[in-house]
Amino acid sequence: MSEWLNEYWHLLVVLVIVTIIAAVIFVMAGRALSRHNKEYKAQEQEIKHLLKLKEKYRNLTDEVILSADVGELLEGTALSYQLILQKKDDIEGSFNEMNDSKRDIYALDVFVQDASVKEFFSENGDILRKRIALAFSRIGMEDFAKRIEKIALMYDKDDETVSYSEKELEGMDEYIQQNDILTEIKLKAAEYIKKNCGEFVN
């Protein structure tokens, strides 16, 4: 046996290395599968959630709005408009034909879904960016509207008074998280929709 080890020790080393690599690959594959399963379940839950909202808020009436759960009313209302807009040839034109209240609520929902100031202002066009501060004012979030207005100026190509600041964007996202601003938006928007339900029916 010792003679074999002396002569073929390198094969033993290779076997050990291959075994270690196989074990690492097995562990990584297990983790990847676990991640995939979690992502799949999350996507499945999101699809079920959207289908439920679609069924519930497809036709917005006073009754639907007044009986709605305040935690989902903003998303459900915006989804109702999205279902209408996606059937239009000119989505932007159709969006601009909606009343200000509907457009503001739609913009607020996009902001909540993006869940980040940087993502909202980077991923969306002027049609939403230029009205989001007004949307916050509409639902009574005046202080936050002023904060957002400054961020909006960073993305305004025609304005040179405010410079782009990555640090300020990160600070705003921290502020949103620490103060649970997204939940406040949902609740205040729901309150506004319920008080003015006639402006939101379709």
Protein backbone atom coordinates (compact mmCIF):
# COMPACT_ATOMS: atom_id res chain seq x y z
CA MET A 1 0.00 0.00 0.00
CA SER A 2 2.81 2.39 0.91
CA GLU A 3 4.51 1.59 -2.41
CA TRP A 4 1.27 2.37 -4.26
CA LEU A 5 0.94 5.67 -2.38
CA ASN A 6 4.52 6.55 -3.17
CA GLU A 7 3.99 5.84 -6.84
CA TYR A 8 0.46 7.15 -7.33
CA TRP A 9 0.17 9.85 -4.65
CA HIS A 10 -0.71 12.41 -7.31
CA LEU A 11 -3.82 10.38 -8.25
CA LEU A 12 -4.93 10.49 -4.64
CA VAL A 13 -4.47 14.27 -4.60
CA VAL A 14 -6.52 14.57 -7.79
CA LEU A 15 -9.25 12.39 -6.28
CA VAL A 16 -9.38 14.54 -3.16
CA ILE A 17 -9.55 17.72 -5.25
CA VAL A 18 -12.30 16.28 -7.47
CA THR A 19 -14.24 15.20 -4.38
CA ILE A 20 -13.96 18.69 -2.86
CA ILE A 21 -15.03 20.34 -6.14
CA ALA A 22 -17.98 17.95 -6.43
CA ALA A 23 -19.03 18.73 -2.87
CA VAL A 24 -18.79 22.49 -3.50
CA ILE A 25 -20.80 22.17 -6.72
CA PHE A 26 -23.41 20.08 -4.91
CA VAL A 27 -23.76 22.69 -2.14
CA MET A 28 -23.93 25.56 -4.67
CA ALA A 29 -26.51 23.69 -6.75
CA GLY A 30 -28.58 23.14 -3.61
CA ARG A 31 -28.43 26.83 -2.74
CA ALA A 32 -29.27 27.83 -6.32
CA LEU A 33 -32.26 25.47 -6.30
CA SER A 34 -33.40 26.89 -2.97
CA ARG A 35 -33.09 30.46 -4.34
CA HIS A 36 -34.94 29.48 -7.50
CA ASN A 37 -37.77 27.92 -5.48
CA LYS A 38 -38.06 31.03 -3.30
CA GLU A 39 -38.09 33.31 -6.36
CA TYR A 40 -40.64 31.09 -8.11
CA LYS A 41 -42.92 31.08 -5.06
CA ALA A 42 -42.59 34.85 -4.74
CA GLN A 43 -43.47 35.32 -8.41
CA GLU A 44 -46.37 32.90 -8.07
CA GLN A 45 -47.68 34.83 -5.06
CA GLU A 46 -47.32 38.12 -6.94
CA ILE A 47 -49.28 36.75 -9.92
CA LYS A 48 -52.05 35.50 -7.61
CA HIS A 49 -52.09 38.87 -5.84
CA LEU A 50 -52.41 40.78 -9.13
CA LEU A 51 -55.14 38.46 -10.42
CA LYS A 52 -57.08 39.00 -7.19
CA LEU A 53 -56.72 42.78 -7.48
CA LYS A 54 -57.63 42.68 -11.17
CA GLU A 55 -60.87 40.86 -10.43
CA LYS A 56 -61.73 43.09 -7.49
CA TYR A 57 -60.89 46.50 -9.00
CA ARG A 58 -61.51 45.96 -12.71
CA ASN A 59 -64.66 48.09 -12.52
CA LEU A 60 -64.18 50.90 -10.04
CA THR A 61 -67.49 51.96 -8.54
CA ASP A 62 -68.32 53.98 -5.43
CA GLU A 63 -69.21 50.73 -3.68
CA VAL A 64 -65.93 49.03 -4.59
CA ILE A 65 -63.88 52.03 -3.45
CA LEU A 66 -65.74 52.62 -0.18
CA SER A 67 -65.58 48.96 0.86
CA ALA A 68 -61.94 48.47 -0.15
CA ASP A 69 -59.12 47.59 2.21
CA VAL A 70 -57.00 50.73 2.70
CA GLY A 71 -53.81 48.69 2.38
CA GLU A 72 -54.56 47.69 -1.20
CA LEU A 73 -56.77 50.49 -2.51
CA LEU A 74 -53.96 52.54 -4.06
CA GLU A 75 -52.56 49.56 -5.95
CA GLY A 76 -56.00 48.31 -6.97
CA THR A 77 -57.08 51.72 -8.26
CA ALA A 78 -53.89 52.19 -10.28
CA LEU A 79 -54.17 48.65 -11.66
CA SER A 80 -57.70 49.43 -12.84
CA TYR A 81 -56.33 52.34 -14.90
CA GLN A 82 -53.41 50.24 -16.13
CA LEU A 83 -55.83 47.65 -17.51
CA ILE A 84 -57.56 50.43 -19.47
CA LEU A 85 -54.35 52.10 -20.66
CA GLN A 86 -52.70 48.92 -21.92
CA LYS A 87 -55.53 48.48 -24.43
CA LYS A 88 -54.95 51.92 -25.95
CA ASP A 89 -52.80 52.61 -29.01
CA ASP A 90 -51.62 55.92 -27.56
CA ILE A 91 -50.97 55.13 -23.90
CA GLU A 92 -49.41 58.49 -23.06
CA GLY A 93 -52.20 60.41 -24.77
CA SER A 94 -54.83 58.34 -22.98
CA PHE A 95 -53.04 58.89 -19.67
CA ASN A 96 -53.11 62.66 -20.22
CA GLU A 97 -56.86 62.48 -20.89
CA MET A 98 -57.48 61.15 -17.39
CA ASN A 99 -58.30 63.70 -14.69
CA ASP A 100 -55.53 64.99 -12.41
CA SER A 101 -56.63 62.86 -9.46
CA LYS A 102 -56.38 59.63 -11.45
CA ARG A 103 -52.98 60.58 -12.89
CA ASP A 104 -51.64 61.50 -9.46
CA ILE A 105 -52.84 58.26 -7.89
CA TYR A 106 -51.28 56.31 -10.75
CA ALA A 107 -47.95 58.13 -10.24
CA LEU A 108 -48.06 57.46 -6.49
CA ASP A 109 -48.58 53.75 -7.06
CA VAL A 110 -45.63 53.60 -9.45
CA PHE A 111 -43.53 55.35 -6.79
CA VAL A 112 -44.60 52.80 -4.15
CA GLN A 113 -43.97 49.85 -6.48
CA ASP A 114 -40.51 51.13 -7.39
CA ALA A 115 -39.84 51.54 -3.64
CA SER A 116 -36.81 53.74 -4.34
CA VAL A 117 -36.42 57.41 -5.25
CA LYS A 118 -33.52 56.64 -7.56
CA GLU A 119 -35.41 53.86 -9.34
CA PHE A 120 -38.55 55.97 -9.75
CA PHE A 121 -36.73 58.94 -11.27
CA SER A 122 -34.35 56.80 -13.34
CA GLU A 123 -36.88 54.34 -14.74
CA ASN A 124 -39.83 56.64 -15.48
CA GLY A 125 -40.28 59.52 -17.88
CA ASP A 126 -41.22 63.15 -17.34
CA ILE A 127 -44.90 62.27 -17.56
CA LEU A 128 -44.64 60.80 -14.03
CA ARG A 129 -41.53 62.56 -12.71
CA LYS A 130 -42.96 66.05 -13.21
CA ARG A 131 -46.19 65.33 -11.36
CA ILE A 132 -45.07 63.19 -8.44
CA ALA A 133 -44.46 66.16 -6.07
CA LEU A 134 -47.96 67.48 -6.82
CA ALA A 135 -49.32 64.00 -6.21
CA PHE A 136 -47.86 63.99 -2.71
CA SER A 137 -49.35 67.42 -2.05
CA ARG A 138 -52.74 66.16 -3.22
CA ILE A 139 -52.87 63.50 -0.51
CA GLY A 140 -51.63 65.87 2.20
CA MET A 141 -47.95 64.92 2.34
CA GLU A 142 -46.69 68.48 1.92
CA ASP A 143 -43.35 68.04 3.68
CA PHE A 144 -42.46 64.98 1.64
CA ALA A 145 -43.62 66.74 -1.54
CA LYS A 146 -41.01 69.47 -0.92
CA ARG A 147 -38.29 66.86 -0.44
CA ILE A 148 -39.29 65.08 -3.65
CA GLU A 149 -39.52 68.35 -5.58
CA LYS A 150 -35.82 68.91 -4.97
CA ILE A 151 -35.03 65.40 -6.24
CA ALA A 152 -37.20 66.00 -9.31
CA LEU A 153 -35.12 69.08 -10.17
CA MET A 154 -32.02 66.86 -10.30
CA TYR A 155 -33.61 65.02 -13.23
CA ASP A 156 -34.96 68.13 -14.95
CA LYS A 157 -32.79 68.76 -18.01
CA ASP A 158 -34.00 72.37 -18.19
CA ASP A 159 -33.08 73.19 -14.60
CA GLU A 160 -29.50 73.95 -13.58
CA THR A 161 -30.14 75.09 -10.00
CA VAL A 162 -29.85 71.63 -8.43
CA SER A 163 -26.94 69.28 -9.12
CA TYR A 164 -27.31 65.51 -9.25
CA SER A 165 -26.28 63.94 -5.94
CA GLU A 166 -26.03 60.19 -5.45
CA LYS A 167 -25.56 60.77 -1.73
CA GLU A 168 -28.80 62.74 -1.50
CA LEU A 169 -30.70 60.00 -3.33
CA GLU A 170 -29.34 57.37 -0.95
CA GLY A 171 -30.21 59.61 2.00
CA MET A 172 -33.78 60.00 0.75
CA ASP A 173 -34.18 56.23 0.35
CA GLU A 174 -32.92 55.75 3.92
CA TYR A 175 -35.40 58.36 5.13
CA ILE A 176 -38.23 56.56 3.33
CA GLN A 177 -37.29 53.23 4.88
CA GLN A 178 -36.70 54.53 8.39
CA ASN A 179 -40.00 56.45 8.46
CA ASP A 180 -42.11 53.82 6.68
CA ILE A 181 -43.08 56.40 4.07
CA LEU A 182 -44.37 53.82 1.58
CA THR A 183 -47.03 52.68 4.06
CA GLU A 184 -47.96 56.29 4.76
CA ILE A 185 -48.39 56.89 1.03
CA LYS A 186 -50.72 53.89 0.71
CA LEU A 187 -52.85 54.95 3.67
CA LYS A 188 -53.08 58.64 2.79
CA ALA A 189 -53.80 57.86 -0.85
CA ALA A 190 -56.55 55.41 0.18
CA GLU A 191 -58.05 58.04 2.46
CA TYR A 192 -58.05 60.57 -0.37
CA ILE A 193 -59.58 58.10 -2.84
CA LYS A 194 -62.37 57.19 -0.43
CA LYS A 195 -63.16 60.85 0.33
CA ASN A 196 -63.25 61.72 -3.37
CA CYS A 197 -64.44 58.44 -4.86
CA GLY A 198 -66.46 60.20 -7.57
CA GLU A 199 -63.17 61.33 -9.19
CA PHE A 200 -61.88 57.75 -9.46
CA VAL A 201 -64.75 55.64 -10.76
CA ASN A 202 -64.41 54.32 -14.31
